[in-house]
């Protein structure tokens, strides 16, 4: 069995079905609060475990139905992690432009996000 894939097993004693669910990696869980931060708070955003698994599978394997990103709606909610990633990407691009134009200093971001230095090191040019 490949790691993280859903699997349905029919046990010999009957037609009972057990479903094993993929779980986001520890590395992905580290960026999860960053996605939540950039998504903001709204009752139309889904931050459930299912939404986390869907985003993890999309980012790590390209599996699932998030190809429309933040425009993909499940029921009456949008995947909050997809929305957060979108706005994170937009914001980081803006920060990098502002840093190049000397409108923003890197240290301002490091002061504002003290727990995310590892992430800032990765995304700032």
PDB file of N, CA and C in Angstrom:
ATOM      1  N   UNK A   1       0.841  -1.182   0.000  1.00  0.00           N
ATOM      2  CA  UNK A   1       0.000   0.000   0.000  1.00  0.00           C
ATOM      3  C   UNK A   1       0.889   1.250   0.000  1.00  0.00           C
ATOM      4  N   UNK A   2       0.606   2.194  -0.875  1.00  0.00           N
ATOM      5  CA  UNK A   2       1.335   3.450  -0.901  1.00  0.00           C
ATOM      6  C   UNK A   2       0.921   4.289   0.298  1.00  0.00           C
ATOM      7  N   UNK A   3       1.872   5.024   0.838  1.00  0.00           N
ATOM      8  CA  UNK A   3       1.605   5.867   1.993  1.00  0.00           C
ATOM      9  C   UNK A   3       0.610   6.967   1.638  1.00  0.00           C
ATOM     10  N   UNK A   4      -0.431   7.130   2.454  1.00  0.00           N
ATOM     11  CA  UNK A   4      -1.358   8.222   2.289  1.00  0.00           C
ATOM     12  C   UNK A   4      -2.527   7.972   1.359  1.00  0.00           C
ATOM     13  N   UNK A   5      -2.606   6.832   0.723  1.00  0.00           N
ATOM     14  CA  UNK A   5      -3.720   6.570  -0.175  1.00  0.00           C
ATOM     15  C   UNK A   5      -4.916   6.042   0.603  1.00  0.00           C
ATOM     16  N   UNK A   6      -6.108   6.329   0.125  1.00  0.00           N
ATOM     17  CA  UNK A   6      -7.299   5.755   0.729  1.00  0.00           C
ATOM     18  C   UNK A   6      -7.418   4.313   0.279  1.00  0.00           C
ATOM     19  N   UNK A   7      -7.841   3.455   1.176  1.00  0.00           N
ATOM     20  CA  UNK A   7      -7.931   2.045   0.879  1.00  0.00           C
ATOM     21  C   UNK A   7      -9.206   1.502   1.492  1.00  0.00           C
ATOM     22  N   UNK A   8      -9.955   0.736   0.746  1.00  0.00           N
ATOM     23  CA  UNK A   8     -11.155   0.102   1.271  1.00  0.00           C
ATOM     24  C   UNK A   8     -10.900  -1.402   1.366  1.00  0.00           C
ATOM     25  N   UNK A   9     -11.151  -1.941   2.543  1.00  0.00           N
ATOM     26  CA  UNK A   9     -10.956  -3.364   2.773  1.00  0.00           C
ATOM     27  C   UNK A   9     -12.293  -4.008   3.105  1.00  0.00           C
ATOM     28  N   UNK A  10     -12.563  -5.132   2.504  1.00  0.00           N
ATOM     29  CA  UNK A  10     -13.761  -5.904   2.863  1.00  0.00           C
ATOM     30  C   UNK A  10     -13.272  -7.075   3.697  1.00  0.00           C
ATOM     31  N   UNK A  11     -13.696  -7.097   4.936  1.00  0.00           N
ATOM     32  CA  UNK A  11     -13.241  -8.156   5.839  1.00  0.00           C
ATOM     33  C   UNK A  11     -14.041  -9.420   5.587  1.00  0.00           C
ATOM     34  N   UNK A  12     -13.420 -10.582   5.762  1.00  0.00           N
ATOM     35  CA  UNK A  12     -14.081 -11.849   5.447  1.00  0.00           C
ATOM     36  C   UNK A  12     -15.370 -12.102   6.224  1.00  0.00           C
ATOM     37  N   UNK A  13     -15.500 -11.556   7.423  1.00  0.00           N
ATOM     38  CA  UNK A  13     -16.666 -11.848   8.241  1.00  0.00           C
ATOM     39  C   UNK A  13     -17.940 -11.201   7.709  1.00  0.00           C
ATOM     40  N   UNK A  14     -17.851 -10.288   6.789  1.00  0.00           N
ATOM     41  CA  UNK A  14     -19.054  -9.626   6.294  1.00  0.00           C
ATOM     42  C   UNK A  14     -18.699  -8.566   5.273  1.00  0.00           C
ATOM     43  N   UNK A  15     -19.608  -7.633   5.126  1.00  0.00           N
ATOM     44  CA  UNK A  15     -19.394  -6.586   4.135  1.00  0.00           C
ATOM     45  C   UNK A  15     -19.029  -5.275   4.837  1.00  0.00           C
ATOM     46  N   UNK A  16     -18.429  -5.388   5.992  1.00  0.00           N
ATOM     47  CA  UNK A  16     -17.998  -4.209   6.719  1.00  0.00           C
ATOM     48  C   UNK A  16     -16.826  -3.582   5.975  1.00  0.00           C
ATOM     49  N   UNK A  17     -16.879  -2.284   5.800  1.00  0.00           N
ATOM     50  CA  UNK A  17     -15.829  -1.581   5.065  1.00  0.00           C
ATOM     51  C   UNK A  17     -15.096  -0.659   6.028  1.00  0.00           C
ATOM     52  N   UNK A  18     -13.799  -0.743   5.994  1.00  0.00           N
ATOM     53  CA  UNK A  18     -12.955   0.117   6.818  1.00  0.00           C
ATOM     54  C   UNK A  18     -12.196   1.028   5.871  1.00  0.00           C
ATOM     55  N   UNK A  19     -12.222   2.315   6.122  1.00  0.00           N
ATOM     56  CA  UNK A  19     -11.532   3.257   5.246  1.00  0.00           C
ATOM     57  C   UNK A  19     -10.349   3.863   5.983  1.00  0.00           C
ATOM     58  N   UNK A  20      -9.169   3.726   5.398  1.00  0.00           N
ATOM     59  CA  UNK A  20      -7.970   4.339   5.946  1.00  0.00           C
ATOM     60  C   UNK A  20      -7.753   5.655   5.208  1.00  0.00           C
ATOM     61  N   UNK A  21      -7.608   6.724   5.938  1.00  0.00           N
ATOM     62  CA  UNK A  21      -7.534   8.046   5.348  1.00  0.00           C
ATOM     63  C   UNK A  21      -6.101   8.537   5.301  1.00  0.00           C
ATOM     64  N   UNK A  22      -5.766   9.262   4.250  1.00  0.00           N
ATOM     65  CA  UNK A  22      -4.452   9.892   4.152  1.00  0.00           C
ATOM     66  C   UNK A  22      -4.345  10.956   5.236  1.00  0.00           C
ATOM     67  N   UNK A  23      -3.142  11.173   5.709  1.00  0.00           N
ATOM     68  CA  UNK A  23      -2.920  12.199   6.723  1.00  0.00           C
ATOM     69  C   UNK A  23      -1.820  13.129   6.244  1.00  0.00           C
ATOM     70  N   UNK A  24      -2.008  14.434   6.448  1.00  0.00           N
ATOM     71  CA  UNK A  24      -0.954  15.375   6.083  1.00  0.00           C
ATOM     72  C   UNK A  24       0.329  15.088   6.861  1.00  0.00           C
ATOM     73  N   UNK A  25       1.446  15.299   6.216  1.00  0.00           N
ATOM     74  CA  UNK A  25       2.747  15.053   6.839  1.00  0.00           C
ATOM     75  C   UNK A  25       3.023  16.097   7.916  1.00  0.00           C
ATOM     76  N   UNK A  26       4.003  15.794   8.739  1.00  0.00           N
ATOM     77  CA  UNK A  26       4.425  16.738   9.781  1.00  0.00           C
ATOM     78  C   UNK A  26       4.928  18.025   9.147  1.00  0.00           C
ATOM     79  N   UNK A  27       5.634  17.900   8.039  1.00  0.00           N
ATOM     80  CA  UNK A  27       6.139  19.079   7.328  1.00  0.00           C
ATOM     81  C   UNK A  27       4.977  19.953   6.841  1.00  0.00           C
ATOM     82  N   UNK A  28       3.923  19.323   6.295  1.00  0.00           N
ATOM     83  CA  UNK A  28       2.778  20.095   5.816  1.00  0.00           C
ATOM     84  C   UNK A  28       2.046  20.737   6.996  1.00  0.00           C
ATOM     85  N   UNK A  29       1.938  20.023   8.100  1.00  0.00           N
ATOM     86  CA  UNK A  29       1.265  20.569   9.291  1.00  0.00           C
ATOM     87  C   UNK A  29       1.967  21.818   9.803  1.00  0.00           C
ATOM     88  N   UNK A  30       3.250  21.945   9.505  1.00  0.00           N
ATOM     89  CA  UNK A  30       4.000  23.125   9.938  1.00  0.00           C
ATOM     90  C   UNK A  30       3.529  24.383   9.208  1.00  0.00           C
ATOM     91  N   UNK A  31       3.143  24.247   7.938  1.00  0.00           N
ATOM     92  CA  UNK A  31       2.694  25.412   7.173  1.00  0.00           C
ATOM     93  C   UNK A  31       1.183  25.639   7.301  1.00  0.00           C
ATOM     94  N   UNK A  32       0.479  24.686   7.843  1.00  0.00           N
ATOM     95  CA  UNK A  32      -0.977  24.781   7.997  1.00  0.00           C
ATOM     96  C   UNK A  32      -1.427  26.080   8.690  1.00  0.00           C
ATOM     97  N   UNK A  33      -0.840  26.485   9.832  1.00  0.00           N
ATOM     98  CA  UNK A  33      -1.288  27.733  10.454  1.00  0.00           C
ATOM     99  C   UNK A  33      -0.993  28.971   9.612  1.00  0.00           C
ATOM    100  N   UNK A  34       0.017  28.884   8.747  1.00  0.00           N
ATOM    101  CA  UNK A  34       0.322  30.011   7.866  1.00  0.00           C
ATOM    102  C   UNK A  34      -0.789  30.160   6.827  1.00  0.00           C
ATOM    103  N   UNK A  35      -1.231  29.047   6.269  1.00  0.00           N
ATOM    104  CA  UNK A  35      -2.367  29.088   5.348  1.00  0.00           C
ATOM    105  C   UNK A  35      -3.607  29.657   6.043  1.00  0.00           C
ATOM    106  N   UNK A  36      -3.841  29.230   7.265  1.00  0.00           N
ATOM    107  CA  UNK A  36      -5.009  29.712   8.004  1.00  0.00           C
ATOM    108  C   UNK A  36      -4.910  31.217   8.258  1.00  0.00           C
ATOM    109  N   UNK A  37      -3.731  31.694   8.588  1.00  0.00           N
ATOM    110  CA  UNK A  37      -3.530  33.119   8.835  1.00  0.00           C
ATOM    111  C   UNK A  37      -3.878  33.946   7.596  1.00  0.00           C
ATOM    112  N   UNK A  38      -3.359  33.537   6.438  1.00  0.00           N
ATOM    113  CA  UNK A  38      -3.576  34.306   5.224  1.00  0.00           C
ATOM    114  C   UNK A  38      -4.993  34.171   4.678  1.00  0.00           C
ATOM    115  N   UNK A  39      -5.697  33.114   5.035  1.00  0.00           N
ATOM    116  CA  UNK A  39      -7.086  32.957   4.596  1.00  0.00           C
ATOM    117  C   UNK A  39      -8.016  33.890   5.361  1.00  0.00           C
ATOM    118  N   UNK A  40      -7.653  34.209   6.586  1.00  0.00           N
ATOM    119  CA  UNK A  40      -8.515  35.042   7.408  1.00  0.00           C
ATOM    120  C   UNK A  40      -9.625  34.209   8.025  1.00  0.00           C
ATOM    121  N   UNK A  41     -10.573  34.895   8.606  1.00  0.00           N
ATOM    122  CA  UNK A  41     -11.680  34.210   9.262  1.00  0.00           C
ATOM    123  C   UNK A  41     -12.972  34.510   8.516  1.00  0.00           C
ATOM    124  N   UNK A  42     -13.656  33.469   8.152  1.00  0.00           N
ATOM    125  CA  UNK A  42     -14.941  33.603   7.476  1.00  0.00           C
ATOM    126  C   UNK A  42     -15.707  32.306   7.632  1.00  0.00           C
ATOM    127  N   UNK A  43     -17.002  32.417   7.766  1.00  0.00           N
ATOM    128  CA  UNK A  43     -17.820  31.208   7.920  1.00  0.00           C
ATOM    129  C   UNK A  43     -17.932  30.411   6.626  1.00  0.00           C
ATOM    130  N   UNK A  44     -17.480  30.963   5.509  1.00  0.00           N
ATOM    131  CA  UNK A  44     -17.540  30.220   4.246  1.00  0.00           C
ATOM    132  C   UNK A  44     -16.252  29.443   3.968  1.00  0.00           C
ATOM    133  N   UNK A  45     -15.292  29.485   4.901  1.00  0.00           N
ATOM    134  CA  UNK A  45     -14.040  28.761   4.731  1.00  0.00           C
ATOM    135  C   UNK A  45     -14.053  27.480   5.552  1.00  0.00           C
ATOM    136  N   UNK A  46     -13.622  26.411   4.918  1.00  0.00           N
ATOM    137  CA  UNK A  46     -13.589  25.095   5.548  1.00  0.00           C
ATOM    138  C   UNK A  46     -12.157  24.781   5.968  1.00  0.00           C
ATOM    139  N   UNK A  47     -11.933  24.676   7.281  1.00  0.00           N
ATOM    140  CA  UNK A  47     -10.632  24.301   7.818  1.00  0.00           C
ATOM    141  C   UNK A  47     -10.712  22.949   8.525  1.00  0.00           C
ATOM    142  N   UNK A  48     -11.590  22.098   8.055  1.00  0.00           N
ATOM    143  CA  UNK A  48     -11.766  20.783   8.657  1.00  0.00           C
ATOM    144  C   UNK A  48     -10.582  19.880   8.327  1.00  0.00           C
ATOM    145  N   UNK A  49     -10.544  18.714   8.975  1.00  0.00           N
ATOM    146  CA  UNK A  49      -9.502  17.732   8.671  1.00  0.00           C
ATOM    147  C   UNK A  49      -9.607  17.266   7.221  1.00  0.00           C
ATOM    148  N   UNK A  50     -10.835  17.138   6.717  1.00  0.00           N
ATOM    149  CA  UNK A  50     -11.017  16.738   5.314  1.00  0.00           C
ATOM    150  C   UNK A  50     -10.435  17.776   4.358  1.00  0.00           C
ATOM    151  N   UNK A  51     -10.613  19.058   4.687  1.00  0.00           N
ATOM    152  CA  UNK A  51     -10.059  20.127   3.856  1.00  0.00           C
ATOM    153  C   UNK A  51      -8.528  20.089   3.902  1.00  0.00           C
ATOM    154  N   UNK A  52      -7.963  19.793   5.075  1.00  0.00           N
ATOM    155  CA  UNK A  52      -6.509  19.693   5.210  1.00  0.00           C
ATOM    156  C   UNK A  52      -5.973  18.527   4.375  1.00  0.00           C
ATOM    157  N   UNK A  53      -6.650  17.389   4.438  1.00  0.00           N
ATOM    158  CA  UNK A  53      -6.226  16.217   3.652  1.00  0.00           C
ATOM    159  C   UNK A  53      -6.317  16.530   2.163  1.00  0.00           C
ATOM    160  N   UNK A  54      -7.404  17.175   1.732  1.00  0.00           N
ATOM    161  CA  UNK A  54      -7.571  17.514   0.315  1.00  0.00           C
ATOM    162  C   UNK A  54      -6.442  18.433  -0.156  1.00  0.00           C
ATOM    163  N   UNK A  55      -6.087  19.415   0.649  1.00  0.00           N
ATOM    164  CA  UNK A  55      -5.014  20.340   0.266  1.00  0.00           C
ATOM    165  C   UNK A  55      -3.667  19.630   0.259  1.00  0.00           C
ATOM    166  N   UNK A  56      -3.414  18.797   1.264  1.00  0.00           N
ATOM    167  CA  UNK A  56      -2.160  18.047   1.328  1.00  0.00           C
ATOM    168  C   UNK A  56      -2.004  17.146   0.104  1.00  0.00           C
ATOM    169  N   UNK A  57      -3.049  16.404  -0.240  1.00  0.00           N
ATOM    170  CA  UNK A  57      -2.980  15.507  -1.391  1.00  0.00           C
ATOM    171  C   UNK A  57      -2.782  16.287  -2.685  1.00  0.00           C
ATOM    172  N   UNK A  58      -3.414  17.444  -2.803  1.00  0.00           N
ATOM    173  CA  UNK A  58      -3.264  18.259  -4.006  1.00  0.00           C
ATOM    174  C   UNK A  58      -1.828  18.778  -4.126  1.00  0.00           C
ATOM    175  N   UNK A  59      -1.280  19.287  -3.020  1.00  0.00           N
ATOM    176  CA  UNK A  59       0.065  19.844  -3.070  1.00  0.00           C
ATOM    177  C   UNK A  59       1.149  18.771  -3.211  1.00  0.00           C
ATOM    178  N   UNK A  60       0.968  17.650  -2.541  1.00  0.00           N
ATOM    179  CA  UNK A  60       2.028  16.648  -2.533  1.00  0.00           C
ATOM    180  C   UNK A  60       1.967  15.693  -3.712  1.00  0.00           C
ATOM    181  N   UNK A  61       0.769  15.397  -4.211  1.00  0.00           N
ATOM    182  CA  UNK A  61       0.649  14.394  -5.270  1.00  0.00           C
ATOM    183  C   UNK A  61      -0.153  14.853  -6.485  1.00  0.00           C
ATOM    184  N   UNK A  62      -0.750  16.034  -6.403  1.00  0.00           N
ATOM    185  CA  UNK A  62      -1.588  16.495  -7.505  1.00  0.00           C
ATOM    186  C   UNK A  62      -2.904  15.739  -7.597  1.00  0.00           C
ATOM    187  N   UNK A  63      -3.287  15.087  -6.514  1.00  0.00           N
ATOM    188  CA  UNK A  63      -4.522  14.304  -6.496  1.00  0.00           C
ATOM    189  C   UNK A  63      -5.655  15.132  -5.913  1.00  0.00           C
ATOM    190  N   UNK A  64      -6.840  14.877  -6.390  1.00  0.00           N
ATOM    191  CA  UNK A  64      -8.010  15.551  -5.834  1.00  0.00           C
ATOM    192  C   UNK A  64      -8.617  16.534  -6.807  1.00  0.00           C
ATOM    193  N   UNK A  65      -9.517  17.338  -6.285  1.00  0.00           N
ATOM    194  CA  UNK A  65     -10.273  18.238  -7.147  1.00  0.00           C
ATOM    195  C   UNK A  65     -10.025  19.710  -6.802  1.00  0.00           C
ATOM    196  N   UNK A  66      -8.801  20.042  -6.408  1.00  0.00           N
ATOM    197  CA  UNK A  66      -8.493  21.432  -6.080  1.00  0.00           C
ATOM    198  C   UNK A  66      -7.837  22.176  -7.235  1.00  0.00           C
ATOM    199  N   UNK A  67      -7.925  21.652  -8.452  1.00  0.00           N
ATOM    200  CA  UNK A  67      -7.265  22.322  -9.569  1.00  0.00           C
ATOM    201  C   UNK A  67      -7.826  23.718  -9.809  1.00  0.00           C
ATOM    202  N   UNK A  68      -9.040  23.974  -9.330  1.00  0.00           N
ATOM    203  CA  UNK A  68      -9.600  25.314  -9.435  1.00  0.00           C
ATOM    204  C   UNK A  68      -9.206  26.181  -8.245  1.00  0.00           C
ATOM    205  N   UNK A  69      -8.415  25.612  -7.337  1.00  0.00           N
ATOM    206  CA  UNK A  69      -7.899  26.369  -6.201  1.00  0.00           C
ATOM    207  C   UNK A  69      -8.989  26.954  -5.339  1.00  0.00           C
ATOM    208  N   UNK A  70      -8.889  28.241  -5.073  1.00  0.00           N
ATOM    209  CA  UNK A  70      -9.831  28.857  -4.152  1.00  0.00           C
ATOM    210  C   UNK A  70     -11.236  28.968  -4.742  1.00  0.00           C
ATOM    211  N   UNK A  71     -11.386  28.699  -6.027  1.00  0.00           N
ATOM    212  CA  UNK A  71     -12.703  28.778  -6.636  1.00  0.00           C
ATOM    213  C   UNK A  71     -13.478  27.475  -6.515  1.00  0.00           C
ATOM    214  N   UNK A  72     -12.819  26.432  -5.998  1.00  0.00           N
ATOM    215  CA  UNK A  72     -13.466  25.129  -5.809  1.00  0.00           C
ATOM    216  C   UNK A  72     -14.289  25.170  -4.532  1.00  0.00           C
ATOM    217  N   UNK A  73     -15.568  24.996  -4.665  1.00  0.00           N
ATOM    218  CA  UNK A  73     -16.465  25.057  -3.516  1.00  0.00           C
ATOM    219  C   UNK A  73     -17.021  23.671  -3.229  1.00  0.00           C
ATOM    220  N   UNK A  74     -16.997  23.296  -1.943  1.00  0.00           N
ATOM    221  CA  UNK A  74     -17.578  22.029  -1.516  1.00  0.00           C
ATOM    222  C   UNK A  74     -18.800  22.365  -0.695  1.00  0.00           C
ATOM    223  N   UNK A  75     -19.953  22.064  -1.217  1.00  0.00           N
ATOM    224  CA  UNK A  75     -21.180  22.449  -0.522  1.00  0.00           C
ATOM    225  C   UNK A  75     -21.274  23.959  -0.506  1.00  0.00           C
ATOM    226  N   UNK A  76     -21.394  24.516   0.687  1.00  0.00           N
ATOM    227  CA  UNK A  76     -21.486  25.972   0.799  1.00  0.00           C
ATOM    228  C   UNK A  76     -20.189  26.584   1.334  1.00  0.00           C
ATOM    229  N   UNK A  77     -19.098  25.810   1.291  1.00  0.00           N
ATOM    230  CA  UNK A  77     -17.819  26.294   1.825  1.00  0.00           C
ATOM    231  C   UNK A  77     -16.691  26.118   0.817  1.00  0.00           C
ATOM    232  N   UNK A  78     -15.669  26.951   0.969  1.00  0.00           N
ATOM    233  CA  UNK A  78     -14.448  26.877   0.170  1.00  0.00           C
ATOM    234  C   UNK A  78     -13.343  26.275   1.026  1.00  0.00           C
ATOM    235  N   UNK A  79     -12.422  25.562   0.407  1.00  0.00           N
ATOM    236  CA  UNK A  79     -11.300  25.003   1.147  1.00  0.00           C
ATOM    237  C   UNK A  79     -10.451  26.170   1.662  1.00  0.00           C
ATOM    238  N   UNK A  80     -10.455  26.358   2.964  1.00  0.00           N
ATOM    239  CA  UNK A  80      -9.744  27.477   3.574  1.00  0.00           C
ATOM    240  C   UNK A  80      -8.255  27.444   3.330  1.00  0.00           C
ATOM    241  N   UNK A  81      -7.685  26.247   3.233  1.00  0.00           N
ATOM    242  CA  UNK A  81      -6.249  26.130   2.994  1.00  0.00           C
ATOM    243  C   UNK A  81      -5.884  26.571   1.580  1.00  0.00           C
ATOM    244  N   UNK A  82      -6.727  26.258   0.603  1.00  0.00           N
ATOM    245  CA  UNK A  82      -6.489  26.704  -0.775  1.00  0.00           C
ATOM    246  C   UNK A  82      -6.603  28.222  -0.861  1.00  0.00           C
ATOM    247  N   UNK A  83      -7.589  28.783  -0.176  1.00  0.00           N
ATOM    248  CA  UNK A  83      -7.743  30.245  -0.152  1.00  0.00           C
ATOM    249  C   UNK A  83      -6.528  30.880   0.512  1.00  0.00           C
ATOM    250  N   UNK A  84      -6.104  30.307   1.635  1.00  0.00           N
ATOM    251  CA  UNK A  84      -4.944  30.837   2.349  1.00  0.00           C
ATOM    252  C   UNK A  84      -3.670  30.774   1.530  1.00  0.00           C
ATOM    253  N   UNK A  85      -3.465  29.672   0.816  1.00  0.00           N
ATOM    254  CA  UNK A  85      -2.269  29.548  -0.028  1.00  0.00           C
ATOM    255  C   UNK A  85      -2.288  30.596  -1.131  1.00  0.00           C
ATOM    256  N   UNK A  86      -3.453  30.816  -1.722  1.00  0.00           N
ATOM    257  CA  UNK A  86      -3.570  31.833  -2.772  1.00  0.00           C
ATOM    258  C   UNK A  86      -3.153  33.206  -2.241  1.00  0.00           C
ATOM    259  N   UNK A  87      -3.741  33.626  -1.112  1.00  0.00           N
ATOM    260  CA  UNK A  87      -3.445  34.946  -0.576  1.00  0.00           C
ATOM    261  C   UNK A  87      -2.037  35.024  -0.007  1.00  0.00           C
ATOM    262  N   UNK A  88      -1.498  33.900   0.464  1.00  0.00           N
ATOM    263  CA  UNK A  88      -0.104  33.860   0.908  1.00  0.00           C
ATOM    264  C   UNK A  88       0.816  34.141  -0.281  1.00  0.00           C
ATOM    265  N   UNK A  89       0.575  33.466  -1.405  1.00  0.00           N
ATOM    266  CA  UNK A  89       1.397  33.666  -2.606  1.00  0.00           C
ATOM    267  C   UNK A  89       1.332  35.112  -3.093  1.00  0.00           C
ATOM    268  N   UNK A  90       0.142  35.701  -3.090  1.00  0.00           N
ATOM    269  CA  UNK A  90      -0.031  37.097  -3.515  1.00  0.00           C
ATOM    270  C   UNK A  90       0.737  38.029  -2.585  1.00  0.00           C
ATOM    271  N   UNK A  91       0.603  37.793  -1.284  1.00  0.00           N
ATOM    272  CA  UNK A  91       1.247  38.653  -0.290  1.00  0.00           C
ATOM    273  C   UNK A  91       2.768  38.547  -0.363  1.00  0.00           C
ATOM    274  N   UNK A  92       3.284  37.337  -0.494  1.00  0.00           N
ATOM    275  CA  UNK A  92       4.742  37.146  -0.580  1.00  0.00           C
ATOM    276  C   UNK A  92       5.296  37.839  -1.832  1.00  0.00           C
ATOM    277  N   UNK A  93       4.592  37.748  -2.945  1.00  0.00           N
ATOM    278  CA  UNK A  93       5.028  38.433  -4.167  1.00  0.00           C
ATOM    279  C   UNK A  93       5.075  39.947  -3.929  1.00  0.00           C
ATOM    280  N   UNK A  94       4.074  40.467  -3.234  1.00  0.00           N
ATOM    281  CA  UNK A  94       4.029  41.896  -2.925  1.00  0.00           C
ATOM    282  C   UNK A  94       5.184  42.277  -1.986  1.00  0.00           C
ATOM    283  N   UNK A  95       5.430  41.448  -0.966  1.00  0.00           N
ATOM    284  CA  UNK A  95       6.539  41.718  -0.051  1.00  0.00           C
ATOM    285  C   UNK A  95       7.865  41.763  -0.795  1.00  0.00           C
ATOM    286  N   UNK A  96       8.096  40.794  -1.671  1.00  0.00           N
ATOM    287  CA  UNK A  96       9.365  40.748  -2.407  1.00  0.00           C
ATOM    288  C   UNK A  96       9.535  41.971  -3.297  1.00  0.00           C
ATOM    289  N   UNK A  97       8.453  42.419  -3.915  1.00  0.00           N
ATOM    290  CA  UNK A  97       8.501  43.645  -4.725  1.00  0.00           C
ATOM    291  C   UNK A  97       8.815  44.841  -3.840  1.00  0.00           C
ATOM    292  N   UNK A  98       8.138  44.930  -2.705  1.00  0.00           N
ATOM    293  CA  UNK A  98       8.357  46.057  -1.788  1.00  0.00           C
ATOM    294  C   UNK A  98       9.773  46.058  -1.213  1.00  0.00           C
ATOM    295  N   UNK A  99      10.330  44.891  -0.962  1.00  0.00           N
ATOM    296  CA  UNK A  99      11.705  44.800  -0.457  1.00  0.00           C
ATOM    297  C   UNK A  99      12.681  45.276  -1.529  1.00  0.00           C
ATOM    298  N   UNK A 100      12.480  44.847  -2.783  1.00  0.00           N
ATOM    299  CA  UNK A 100      13.346  45.299  -3.882  1.00  0.00           C
ATOM    300  C   UNK A 100      13.278  46.815  -4.073  1.00  0.00           C
ATOM    301  N   UNK A 101      12.077  47.377  -3.905  1.00  0.00           N
ATOM    302  CA  UNK A 101      11.892  48.822  -4.088  1.00  0.00           C
ATOM    303  C   UNK A 101      12.195  49.612  -2.811  1.00  0.00           C
ATOM    304  N   UNK A 102      12.646  48.919  -1.782  1.00  0.00           N
ATOM    305  CA  UNK A 102      13.032  49.526  -0.500  1.00  0.00           C
ATOM    306  C   UNK A 102      11.871  50.228   0.204  1.00  0.00           C
ATOM    307  N   UNK A 103      10.680  49.692   0.002  1.00  0.00           N
ATOM    308  CA  UNK A 103       9.500  50.196   0.705  1.00  0.00           C
ATOM    309  C   UNK A 103       9.312  49.425   2.012  1.00  0.00           C
ATOM    310  N   UNK A 104       9.813  48.200   2.028  1.00  0.00           N
ATOM    311  CA  UNK A 104       9.672  47.301   3.163  1.00  0.00           C
ATOM    312  C   UNK A 104      11.036  46.720   3.503  1.00  0.00           C
ATOM    313  N   UNK A 105      11.300  46.579   4.786  1.00  0.00           N
ATOM    314  CA  UNK A 105      12.547  45.948   5.237  1.00  0.00           C
ATOM    315  C   UNK A 105      12.234  44.551   5.741  1.00  0.00           C
ATOM    316  N   UNK A 106      13.144  43.631   5.444  1.00  0.00           N
ATOM    317  CA  UNK A 106      12.958  42.243   5.869  1.00  0.00           C
ATOM    318  C   UNK A 106      12.760  42.135   7.372  1.00  0.00           C
ATOM    319  N   UNK A 107      13.511  42.924   8.134  1.00  0.00           N
ATOM    320  CA  UNK A 107      13.426  42.801   9.584  1.00  0.00           C
ATOM    321  C   UNK A 107      12.016  43.109  10.100  1.00  0.00           C
ATOM    322  N   UNK A 108      11.266  43.940   9.370  1.00  0.00           N
ATOM    323  CA  UNK A 108       9.883  44.229   9.784  1.00  0.00           C
ATOM    324  C   UNK A 108       9.039  42.953   9.763  1.00  0.00           C
ATOM    325  N   UNK A 109       9.251  42.127   8.756  1.00  0.00           N
ATOM    326  CA  UNK A 109       8.508  40.868   8.662  1.00  0.00           C
ATOM    327  C   UNK A 109       8.961  39.886   9.729  1.00  0.00           C
ATOM    328  N   UNK A 110      10.269  39.853   9.985  1.00  0.00           N
ATOM    329  CA  UNK A 110      10.775  38.958  11.024  1.00  0.00           C
ATOM    330  C   UNK A 110      10.267  39.363  12.407  1.00  0.00           C
ATOM    331  N   UNK A 111      10.075  40.651  12.626  1.00  0.00           N
ATOM    332  CA  UNK A 111       9.511  41.118  13.897  1.00  0.00           C
ATOM    333  C   UNK A 111       8.026  40.799  13.996  1.00  0.00           C
ATOM    334  N   UNK A 112       7.320  40.932  12.877  1.00  0.00           N
ATOM    335  CA  UNK A 112       5.869  40.685  12.889  1.00  0.00           C
ATOM    336  C   UNK A 112       5.533  39.197  13.006  1.00  0.00           C
ATOM    337  N   UNK A 113       6.400  38.340  12.460  1.00  0.00           N
ATOM    338  CA  UNK A 113       6.141  36.896  12.468  1.00  0.00           C
ATOM    339  C   UNK A 113       7.313  36.161  13.130  1.00  0.00           C
ATOM    340  N   UNK A 114       7.490  36.303  14.444  1.00  0.00           N
ATOM    341  CA  UNK A 114       8.661  35.707  15.109  1.00  0.00           C
ATOM    342  C   UNK A 114       8.680  34.178  15.086  1.00  0.00           C
ATOM    343  N   UNK A 115       7.542  33.549  15.006  1.00  0.00           N
ATOM    344  CA  UNK A 115       7.502  32.078  14.989  1.00  0.00           C
ATOM    345  C   UNK A 115       7.696  31.493  13.596  1.00  0.00           C
ATOM    346  N   UNK A 116       7.735  32.332  12.594  1.00  0.00           N
ATOM    347  CA  UNK A 116       7.783  31.849  11.219  1.00  0.00           C
ATOM    348  C   UNK A 116       9.079  32.222  10.505  1.00  0.00           C
ATOM    349  N   UNK A 117      10.164  32.427  11.246  1.00  0.00           N
ATOM    350  CA  UNK A 117      11.438  32.772  10.605  1.00  0.00           C
ATOM    351  C   UNK A 117      11.856  31.715   9.595  1.00  0.00           C
ATOM    352  N   UNK A 118      11.638  30.444   9.892  1.00  0.00           N
ATOM    353  CA  UNK A 118      11.991  29.348   8.976  1.00  0.00           C
ATOM    354  C   UNK A 118      11.281  29.518   7.639  1.00  0.00           C
ATOM    355  N   UNK A 119      10.036  29.982   7.672  1.00  0.00           N
ATOM    356  CA  UNK A 119       9.248  30.160   6.457  1.00  0.00           C
ATOM    357  C   UNK A 119       9.692  31.419   5.717  1.00  0.00           C
ATOM    358  N   UNK A 120       9.907  32.505   6.449  1.00  0.00           N
ATOM    359  CA  UNK A 120      10.355  33.752   5.824  1.00  0.00           C
ATOM    360  C   UNK A 120      11.697  33.560   5.128  1.00  0.00           C
ATOM    361  N   UNK A 121      12.593  32.797   5.755  1.00  0.00           N
ATOM    362  CA  UNK A 121      13.889  32.514   5.125  1.00  0.00           C
ATOM    363  C   UNK A 121      13.709  31.860   3.769  1.00  0.00           C
ATOM    364  N   UNK A 122      12.658  31.061   3.634  1.00  0.00           N
ATOM    365  CA  UNK A 122      12.419  30.313   2.409  1.00  0.00           C
ATOM    366  C   UNK A 122      11.742  31.150   1.321  1.00  0.00           C
ATOM    367  N   UNK A 123      10.843  32.055   1.692  1.00  0.00           N
ATOM    368  CA  UNK A 123      10.032  32.729   0.665  1.00  0.00           C
ATOM    369  C   UNK A 123      10.533  34.121   0.274  1.00  0.00           C
ATOM    370  N   UNK A 124      11.360  34.728   1.106  1.00  0.00           N
ATOM    371  CA  UNK A 124      11.838  36.064   0.759  1.00  0.00           C
ATOM    372  C   UNK A 124      13.075  35.965  -0.117  1.00  0.00           C
ATOM    373  N   UNK A 125      13.060  36.710  -1.233  1.00  0.00           N
ATOM    374  CA  UNK A 125      14.215  36.688  -2.159  1.00  0.00           C
ATOM    375  C   UNK A 125      15.351  37.523  -1.615  1.00  0.00           C
TER     376      UNK A 125
END
